[in-house]
Amino acid sequence: MKTGIALGSNLGDRAASMDAGFTFLRSLSQKGYLLQSSVIETDPVDCPPGSGAFFNAVAEIDYEGSPLQLLGQLQNFEHTMGRQPNRAINAPRPLDLDILYFGDTTITTPDLIIPHPRIAQREFVLKPLAEICPNLILPGQAHSVQTLLNHLTSK
């Protein structure tokens, strides 16, 4: 299943964390398929005062398991990379991995919402996603990722 994952890092060696994230995602993907965007640097959004700038990117993998299995694998890797459990909301972190979409699947559980509920409001997600999948129309959206980005940046 073609699956989009956002990567972010604003603590420690951000470049090394992003590289480790891409390598990990490739290891989860069928036949090593990985479509990855450029890494962009962005100001923190809705983070505690004094939070550092983020490196952000998006990758698409071909994943065979379930969305909840993937969520568990991503969370385990985040902890391996030094992310603290039970941290404050949007606290600085070495690596953040968020499932953006999982094919045409929609899911709402206490632990996971797919597609990610704030994609259309986040330029730091839409910009790298539009780089790799500009014509993608996410479940629940009427417009392509590129159109969503254009609309957001024209405000």
N, C-alpha and C. Protein backbone atom coordinates (compact mmCIF):
# COMPACT_ATOMS: atom_id res chain seq x y z
N MET A 1 0.84 -1.17 0.00
CA MET A 1 0.00 0.00 0.00
C MET A 1 0.89 1.24 0.00
N LYS A 2 0.69 2.12 -0.94
CA LYS A 2 1.46 3.37 -0.98
C LYS A 2 1.06 4.20 0.24
N THR A 3 2.07 4.57 1.01
CA THR A 3 1.87 5.22 2.30
C THR A 3 2.79 6.42 2.42
N GLY A 4 2.21 7.57 2.76
CA GLY A 4 3.00 8.79 2.94
C GLY A 4 3.31 9.02 4.40
N ILE A 5 4.55 9.38 4.67
CA ILE A 5 5.00 9.62 6.04
C ILE A 5 5.77 10.93 6.09
N ALA A 6 5.38 11.79 7.03
CA ALA A 6 6.09 13.04 7.26
C ALA A 6 7.22 12.79 8.26
N LEU A 7 8.36 13.40 8.00
CA LEU A 7 9.50 13.32 8.90
C LEU A 7 9.81 14.73 9.38
N GLY A 8 10.12 14.86 10.66
CA GLY A 8 10.52 16.15 11.21
C GLY A 8 11.54 15.96 12.31
N SER A 9 12.43 16.93 12.45
CA SER A 9 13.45 16.89 13.49
C SER A 9 13.82 18.31 13.89
N ASN A 10 13.83 18.59 15.20
CA ASN A 10 14.31 19.90 15.65
C ASN A 10 15.15 19.80 16.92
N LEU A 11 15.77 18.66 17.13
CA LEU A 11 16.59 18.47 18.32
C LEU A 11 17.78 17.60 17.95
N GLY A 12 18.96 18.01 18.38
CA GLY A 12 20.16 17.22 18.11
C GLY A 12 20.64 17.40 16.68
N ASP A 13 21.29 16.37 16.15
CA ASP A 13 21.80 16.39 14.78
C ASP A 13 20.64 16.11 13.83
N ARG A 14 19.98 17.18 13.40
CA ARG A 14 18.77 17.04 12.60
C ARG A 14 19.02 16.30 11.28
N ALA A 15 20.13 16.61 10.62
CA ALA A 15 20.42 15.95 9.34
C ALA A 15 20.61 14.45 9.53
N ALA A 16 21.35 14.07 10.56
CA ALA A 16 21.58 12.64 10.82
C ALA A 16 20.27 11.95 11.17
N SER A 17 19.41 12.62 11.94
CA SER A 17 18.12 12.03 12.29
C SER A 17 17.25 11.83 11.06
N MET A 18 17.24 12.79 10.17
CA MET A 18 16.45 12.66 8.94
C MET A 18 16.99 11.52 8.09
N ASP A 19 18.31 11.44 7.95
CA ASP A 19 18.91 10.34 7.18
C ASP A 19 18.54 8.99 7.78
N ALA A 20 18.61 8.90 9.10
CA ALA A 20 18.24 7.65 9.77
C ALA A 20 16.77 7.32 9.53
N GLY A 21 15.93 8.35 9.54
CA GLY A 21 14.51 8.14 9.28
C GLY A 21 14.26 7.60 7.88
N PHE A 22 14.91 8.19 6.88
CA PHE A 22 14.75 7.71 5.51
C PHE A 22 15.23 6.27 5.38
N THR A 23 16.36 5.96 5.99
CA THR A 23 16.90 4.60 5.93
C THR A 23 15.93 3.61 6.58
N PHE A 24 15.38 3.98 7.72
CA PHE A 24 14.41 3.12 8.40
C PHE A 24 13.17 2.91 7.54
N LEU A 25 12.66 3.96 6.95
CA LEU A 25 11.46 3.83 6.12
C LEU A 25 11.72 2.93 4.91
N ARG A 26 12.89 3.06 4.31
CA ARG A 26 13.23 2.17 3.19
C ARG A 26 13.22 0.71 3.64
N SER A 27 13.66 0.45 4.87
CA SER A 27 13.69 -0.93 5.37
C SER A 27 12.29 -1.49 5.59
N LEU A 28 11.30 -0.64 5.79
CA LEU A 28 9.92 -1.09 5.97
C LEU A 28 9.20 -1.33 4.65
N SER A 29 9.74 -0.79 3.58
CA SER A 29 9.04 -0.75 2.31
C SER A 29 9.30 -1.98 1.45
N GLN A 30 8.27 -2.39 0.72
CA GLN A 30 8.39 -3.50 -0.23
C GLN A 30 9.51 -3.20 -1.23
N LYS A 31 10.42 -4.12 -1.36
CA LYS A 31 11.51 -4.03 -2.33
C LYS A 31 12.30 -2.73 -2.19
N GLY A 32 12.30 -2.14 -1.00
CA GLY A 32 13.09 -0.94 -0.76
C GLY A 32 12.57 0.31 -1.43
N TYR A 33 11.31 0.28 -1.90
CA TYR A 33 10.74 1.46 -2.57
C TYR A 33 10.68 2.63 -1.61
N LEU A 34 11.27 3.74 -2.00
CA LEU A 34 11.21 4.96 -1.21
C LEU A 34 11.25 6.15 -2.14
N LEU A 35 10.21 6.93 -2.11
CA LEU A 35 10.15 8.19 -2.83
C LEU A 35 10.30 9.26 -1.77
N GLN A 36 11.35 10.07 -1.85
CA GLN A 36 11.58 11.04 -0.79
C GLN A 36 11.73 12.44 -1.33
N SER A 37 11.20 13.39 -0.57
CA SER A 37 11.30 14.80 -0.93
C SER A 37 12.65 15.34 -0.49
N SER A 38 12.89 16.56 -0.88
CA SER A 38 14.01 17.31 -0.31
C SER A 38 13.70 17.58 1.15
N VAL A 39 14.74 17.85 1.91
CA VAL A 39 14.58 18.27 3.30
C VAL A 39 14.54 19.79 3.31
N ILE A 40 13.52 20.35 3.97
CA ILE A 40 13.41 21.80 4.08
C ILE A 40 13.54 22.21 5.55
N GLU A 41 14.00 23.42 5.78
CA GLU A 41 14.08 23.94 7.14
C GLU A 41 12.93 24.90 7.35
N THR A 42 12.21 24.72 8.45
CA THR A 42 11.02 25.53 8.73
C THR A 42 11.03 25.99 10.19
N ASP A 43 10.34 27.09 10.41
CA ASP A 43 10.15 27.57 11.78
C ASP A 43 9.19 26.64 12.51
N PRO A 44 9.34 26.51 13.82
CA PRO A 44 8.41 25.66 14.57
C PRO A 44 7.00 26.25 14.55
N VAL A 45 6.01 25.36 14.51
CA VAL A 45 4.60 25.76 14.50
C VAL A 45 3.94 25.12 15.72
N ASP A 46 3.27 25.94 16.52
CA ASP A 46 2.54 25.47 17.71
C ASP A 46 3.44 24.70 18.68
N CYS A 47 4.70 25.14 18.80
CA CYS A 47 5.66 24.50 19.69
C CYS A 47 5.94 25.40 20.90
N PRO A 48 6.49 24.83 21.96
CA PRO A 48 6.83 25.64 23.14
C PRO A 48 7.83 26.75 22.78
N PRO A 49 7.80 27.87 23.50
CA PRO A 49 8.75 28.96 23.25
C PRO A 49 10.19 28.45 23.31
N GLY A 50 11.02 28.96 22.42
CA GLY A 50 12.42 28.57 22.38
C GLY A 50 12.71 27.32 21.58
N SER A 51 11.69 26.71 20.99
CA SER A 51 11.91 25.50 20.17
C SER A 51 12.72 25.87 18.94
N GLY A 52 13.63 24.98 18.56
CA GLY A 52 14.47 25.22 17.41
C GLY A 52 13.75 24.97 16.09
N ALA A 53 14.39 25.42 15.01
CA ALA A 53 13.84 25.21 13.67
C ALA A 53 13.81 23.72 13.34
N PHE A 54 12.88 23.36 12.49
CA PHE A 54 12.70 21.97 12.07
C PHE A 54 13.35 21.72 10.73
N PHE A 55 13.83 20.50 10.55
CA PHE A 55 14.02 19.92 9.23
C PHE A 55 12.77 19.10 8.98
N ASN A 56 12.15 19.28 7.81
CA ASN A 56 10.94 18.55 7.45
C ASN A 56 11.10 17.93 6.07
N ALA A 57 10.45 16.79 5.88
CA ALA A 57 10.43 16.10 4.59
C ALA A 57 9.25 15.14 4.59
N VAL A 58 9.00 14.57 3.42
CA VAL A 58 7.96 13.55 3.27
C VAL A 58 8.54 12.40 2.46
N ALA A 59 8.16 11.19 2.82
CA ALA A 59 8.55 10.00 2.06
C ALA A 59 7.31 9.18 1.77
N GLU A 60 7.35 8.49 0.64
CA GLU A 60 6.31 7.52 0.32
C GLU A 60 6.96 6.16 0.26
N ILE A 61 6.34 5.20 0.95
CA ILE A 61 6.82 3.82 0.93
C ILE A 61 5.69 2.92 0.46
N ASP A 62 6.03 1.67 0.18
CA ASP A 62 5.04 0.65 -0.18
C ASP A 62 5.00 -0.33 0.99
N TYR A 63 3.97 -0.19 1.84
CA TYR A 63 3.91 -0.93 3.10
C TYR A 63 2.88 -2.04 3.01
N GLU A 64 3.22 -3.22 3.56
CA GLU A 64 2.32 -4.38 3.48
C GLU A 64 1.46 -4.62 4.70
N GLY A 65 1.83 -4.10 5.86
CA GLY A 65 1.07 -4.36 7.08
C GLY A 65 -0.13 -3.45 7.22
N SER A 66 -0.67 -3.40 8.43
CA SER A 66 -1.82 -2.55 8.71
C SER A 66 -1.35 -1.17 9.17
N PRO A 67 -2.24 -0.19 9.12
CA PRO A 67 -1.87 1.14 9.63
C PRO A 67 -1.42 1.12 11.09
N LEU A 68 -2.10 0.34 11.92
CA LEU A 68 -1.72 0.30 13.33
C LEU A 68 -0.38 -0.40 13.54
N GLN A 69 -0.08 -1.40 12.71
CA GLN A 69 1.25 -2.03 12.78
C GLN A 69 2.32 -1.00 12.43
N LEU A 70 2.07 -0.24 11.37
CA LEU A 70 3.04 0.78 10.96
C LEU A 70 3.21 1.82 12.06
N LEU A 71 2.12 2.28 12.65
CA LEU A 71 2.21 3.26 13.73
C LEU A 71 3.11 2.73 14.84
N GLY A 72 2.95 1.49 15.24
CA GLY A 72 3.79 0.91 16.28
C GLY A 72 5.26 0.89 15.88
N GLN A 73 5.54 0.52 14.63
CA GLN A 73 6.93 0.50 14.17
C GLN A 73 7.53 1.90 14.16
N LEU A 74 6.75 2.88 13.72
CA LEU A 74 7.25 4.26 13.69
C LEU A 74 7.51 4.77 15.10
N GLN A 75 6.60 4.51 16.02
CA GLN A 75 6.78 4.97 17.40
C GLN A 75 7.98 4.30 18.05
N ASN A 76 8.18 3.01 17.80
CA ASN A 76 9.36 2.33 18.35
C ASN A 76 10.64 2.95 17.83
N PHE A 77 10.67 3.28 16.54
CA PHE A 77 11.88 3.88 15.98
C PHE A 77 12.09 5.28 16.54
N GLU A 78 11.02 6.06 16.70
CA GLU A 78 11.15 7.39 17.31
C GLU A 78 11.80 7.26 18.69
N HIS A 79 11.39 6.28 19.48
CA HIS A 79 11.97 6.09 20.80
C HIS A 79 13.44 5.67 20.70
N THR A 80 13.75 4.80 19.74
CA THR A 80 15.14 4.41 19.50
C THR A 80 16.01 5.63 19.20
N MET A 81 15.42 6.59 18.49
CA MET A 81 16.14 7.81 18.11
C MET A 81 16.19 8.84 19.25
N GLY A 82 15.56 8.55 20.37
CA GLY A 82 15.67 9.43 21.52
C GLY A 82 14.43 10.23 21.87
N ARG A 83 13.34 9.97 21.19
CA ARG A 83 12.11 10.70 21.53
C ARG A 83 11.61 10.20 22.89
N GLN A 84 11.25 11.14 23.74
CA GLN A 84 10.80 10.81 25.08
C GLN A 84 9.32 10.47 25.10
N PRO A 85 8.94 9.37 25.75
CA PRO A 85 7.51 9.07 25.89
C PRO A 85 6.86 10.08 26.84
N ASN A 86 5.59 10.28 26.67
CA ASN A 86 4.81 11.17 27.54
C ASN A 86 5.38 12.59 27.58
N ARG A 87 5.90 13.05 26.49
CA ARG A 87 6.46 14.39 26.40
C ARG A 87 5.31 15.40 26.25
N ALA A 88 5.64 16.66 26.45
CA ALA A 88 4.65 17.72 26.23
C ALA A 88 4.28 17.77 24.75
N ILE A 89 3.07 18.20 24.47
CA ILE A 89 2.61 18.30 23.08
C ILE A 89 3.54 19.23 22.30
N ASN A 90 3.99 18.76 21.14
CA ASN A 90 4.86 19.50 20.23
C ASN A 90 6.20 19.89 20.84
N ALA A 91 6.65 19.16 21.86
CA ALA A 91 7.97 19.41 22.44
C ALA A 91 9.04 19.08 21.41
N PRO A 92 10.24 19.71 21.53
CA PRO A 92 11.33 19.37 20.62
C PRO A 92 11.60 17.87 20.63
N ARG A 93 12.00 17.35 19.46
CA ARG A 93 12.23 15.91 19.34
C ARG A 93 13.28 15.63 18.26
N PRO A 94 14.07 14.58 18.50
CA PRO A 94 15.08 14.22 17.50
C PRO A 94 14.47 13.77 16.19
N LEU A 95 13.33 13.04 16.26
CA LEU A 95 12.69 12.56 15.04
C LEU A 95 11.20 12.34 15.30
N ASP A 96 10.41 12.87 14.40
CA ASP A 96 8.96 12.71 14.45
C ASP A 96 8.54 12.07 13.14
N LEU A 97 7.80 10.98 13.20
CA LEU A 97 7.33 10.28 12.01
C LEU A 97 5.81 10.18 12.09
N ASP A 98 5.12 10.81 11.15
CA ASP A 98 3.65 10.81 11.14
C ASP A 98 3.12 10.21 9.85
N ILE A 99 2.15 9.30 9.98
CA ILE A 99 1.49 8.74 8.80
C ILE A 99 0.56 9.81 8.24
N LEU A 100 0.77 10.16 6.98
CA LEU A 100 -0.08 11.16 6.32
C LEU A 100 -1.24 10.51 5.60
N TYR A 101 -0.94 9.45 4.85
CA TYR A 101 -1.97 8.71 4.12
C TYR A 101 -1.53 7.27 4.01
N PHE A 102 -2.51 6.41 3.79
CA PHE A 102 -2.29 4.97 3.68
C PHE A 102 -3.17 4.50 2.53
N GLY A 103 -2.69 4.72 1.29
CA GLY A 103 -3.52 4.45 0.12
C GLY A 103 -4.78 5.29 0.20
N ASP A 104 -5.92 4.67 -0.05
CA ASP A 104 -7.22 5.34 0.04
C ASP A 104 -7.90 5.09 1.38
N THR A 105 -7.18 4.51 2.32
CA THR A 105 -7.74 4.15 3.61
C THR A 105 -8.07 5.39 4.44
N THR A 106 -9.21 5.33 5.11
CA THR A 106 -9.51 6.31 6.15
C THR A 106 -9.70 5.53 7.44
N ILE A 107 -9.18 6.07 8.52
CA ILE A 107 -9.28 5.40 9.81
C ILE A 107 -9.32 6.46 10.90
N THR A 108 -10.14 6.22 11.89
CA THR A 108 -10.19 7.09 13.06
C THR A 108 -10.25 6.20 14.29
N THR A 109 -9.17 6.21 15.05
CA THR A 109 -9.10 5.49 16.32
C THR A 109 -8.57 6.49 17.35
N PRO A 110 -8.59 6.13 18.63
CA PRO A 110 -8.01 7.03 19.63
C PRO A 110 -6.52 7.30 19.39
N ASP A 111 -5.83 6.37 18.73
CA ASP A 111 -4.39 6.50 18.53
C ASP A 111 -3.98 6.97 17.14
N LEU A 112 -4.88 6.92 16.17
CA LEU A 112 -4.48 7.18 14.79
C LEU A 112 -5.65 7.69 13.97
N ILE A 113 -5.40 8.76 13.22
CA ILE A 113 -6.37 9.27 12.25
C ILE A 113 -5.65 9.34 10.91
N ILE A 114 -6.25 8.70 9.89
CA ILE A 114 -5.71 8.72 8.53
C ILE A 114 -6.84 9.07 7.58
N PRO A 115 -6.62 10.01 6.65
CA PRO A 115 -5.39 10.79 6.49
C PRO A 115 -5.17 11.73 7.68
N HIS A 116 -3.94 12.17 7.82
CA HIS A 116 -3.59 13.06 8.93
C HIS A 116 -4.53 14.25 8.91
N PRO A 117 -5.14 14.58 10.04
CA PRO A 117 -6.21 15.58 10.05
C PRO A 117 -5.78 17.02 9.75
N ARG A 118 -4.49 17.33 9.82
CA ARG A 118 -4.06 18.71 9.61
C ARG A 118 -3.19 18.90 8.37
N ILE A 119 -3.19 17.95 7.46
CA ILE A 119 -2.36 18.07 6.26
C ILE A 119 -2.63 19.37 5.52
N ALA A 120 -3.89 19.68 5.28
CA ALA A 120 -4.24 20.83 4.44
C ALA A 120 -3.90 22.16 5.08
N GLN A 121 -3.58 22.19 6.36
CA GLN A 121 -3.22 23.44 7.03
C GLN A 121 -1.72 23.58 7.28
N ARG A 122 -0.93 22.63 6.85
CA ARG A 122 0.50 22.63 7.18
C ARG A 122 1.37 22.73 5.93
N GLU A 123 1.88 23.94 5.71
CA GLU A 123 2.76 24.14 4.57
C GLU A 123 4.01 23.27 4.67
N PHE A 124 4.51 23.06 5.89
CA PHE A 124 5.72 22.26 6.06
C PHE A 124 5.50 20.79 5.71
N VAL A 125 4.25 20.37 5.56
CA VAL A 125 3.93 19.02 5.07
C VAL A 125 3.57 19.07 3.59
N LEU A 126 2.73 20.02 3.21
CA LEU A 126 2.27 20.09 1.82
C LEU A 126 3.40 20.37 0.84
N LYS A 127 4.35 21.23 1.23
CA LYS A 127 5.42 21.59 0.29
C LYS A 127 6.26 20.37 -0.10
N PRO A 128 6.79 19.60 0.86
CA PRO A 128 7.54 18.41 0.43
C PRO A 128 6.66 17.33 -0.20
N LEU A 129 5.41 17.22 0.24
CA LEU A 129 4.51 16.23 -0.36
C LEU A 129 4.22 16.59 -1.81
N ALA A 130 4.03 17.87 -2.08
CA ALA A 130 3.78 18.32 -3.46
C ALA A 130 4.99 18.08 -4.35
N GLU A 131 6.17 18.08 -3.78
CA GLU A 131 7.38 17.81 -4.55
C GLU A 131 7.38 16.39 -5.10
N ILE A 132 6.90 15.43 -4.30
CA ILE A 132 6.96 14.03 -4.74
C ILE A 132 5.63 13.51 -5.30
N CYS A 133 4.51 14.08 -4.89
CA CYS A 133 3.18 13.59 -5.33
C CYS A 133 2.24 14.77 -5.58
N PRO A 134 2.56 15.66 -6.51
CA PRO A 134 1.74 16.87 -6.68
C PRO A 134 0.30 16.61 -7.08
N ASN A 135 0.05 15.54 -7.78
CA ASN A 135 -1.31 15.26 -8.28
C ASN A 135 -2.12 14.35 -7.37
N LEU A 136 -1.54 13.95 -6.25
CA LEU A 136 -2.24 13.09 -5.30
C LEU A 136 -3.45 13.81 -4.73
N ILE A 137 -4.59 13.12 -4.74
CA ILE A 137 -5.79 13.62 -4.07
C ILE A 137 -6.03 12.71 -2.87
N LEU A 138 -5.91 13.28 -1.70
CA LEU A 138 -6.04 12.52 -0.46
C LEU A 138 -7.50 12.20 -0.17
N PRO A 139 -7.76 11.09 0.50
CA PRO A 139 -9.14 10.78 0.88
C PRO A 139 -9.75 11.95 1.66
N GLY A 140 -10.97 12.31 1.29
CA GLY A 140 -11.66 13.41 1.95
C GLY A 140 -11.36 14.78 1.39
N GLN A 141 -10.46 14.86 0.42
CA GLN A 141 -10.12 16.14 -0.21
C GLN A 141 -10.66 16.16 -1.63
N ALA A 142 -11.01 17.34 -2.09
CA ALA A 142 -11.50 17.49 -3.46
C ALA A 142 -10.41 17.92 -4.42
N HIS A 143 -9.27 18.37 -3.87
CA HIS A 143 -8.22 18.94 -4.70
C HIS A 143 -6.90 18.21 -4.49
N SER A 144 -6.01 18.34 -5.46
CA SER A 144 -4.69 17.72 -5.38
C SER A 144 -3.85 18.39 -4.30
N VAL A 145 -2.80 17.71 -3.91
CA VAL A 145 -1.85 18.25 -2.94
C VAL A 145 -1.29 19.58 -3.44
N GLN A 146 -0.94 19.67 -4.72
CA GLN A 146 -0.40 20.91 -5.26
C GLN A 146 -1.41 22.05 -5.15
N THR A 147 -2.67 21.77 -5.45
CA THR A 147 -3.72 22.79 -5.35
C THR A 147 -3.91 23.21 -3.89
N LEU A 148 -3.89 22.26 -2.97
CA LEU A 148 -3.99 22.60 -1.55
C LEU A 148 -2.84 23.51 -1.12
N LEU A 149 -1.63 23.19 -1.58
CA LEU A 149 -0.46 24.02 -1.26
C LEU A 149 -0.62 25.41 -1.85
N ASN A 150 -1.02 25.49 -3.11
CA ASN A 150 -1.20 26.80 -3.76
C ASN A 150 -2.22 27.64 -3.00
N HIS A 151 -3.30 27.01 -2.58
CA HIS A 151 -4.34 27.73 -1.84
C HIS A 151 -3.80 28.23 -0.49
N LEU A 152 -3.06 27.38 0.20
CA LEU A 152 -2.53 27.74 1.51
C LEU A 152 -1.53 28.88 1.42
N THR A 153 -0.66 28.84 0.43
CA THR A 153 0.39 29.86 0.31
C THR A 153 -0.11 31.16 -0.29
N SER A 154 -1.31 31.16 -0.86
CA SER A 154 -1.86 32.40 -1.44
C SER A 154 -2.63 33.22 -0.42
N LYS A 155 -2.79 32.69 0.78
CA LYS A 155 -3.53 33.42 1.83
C LYS A 155 -2.72 34.57 2.37
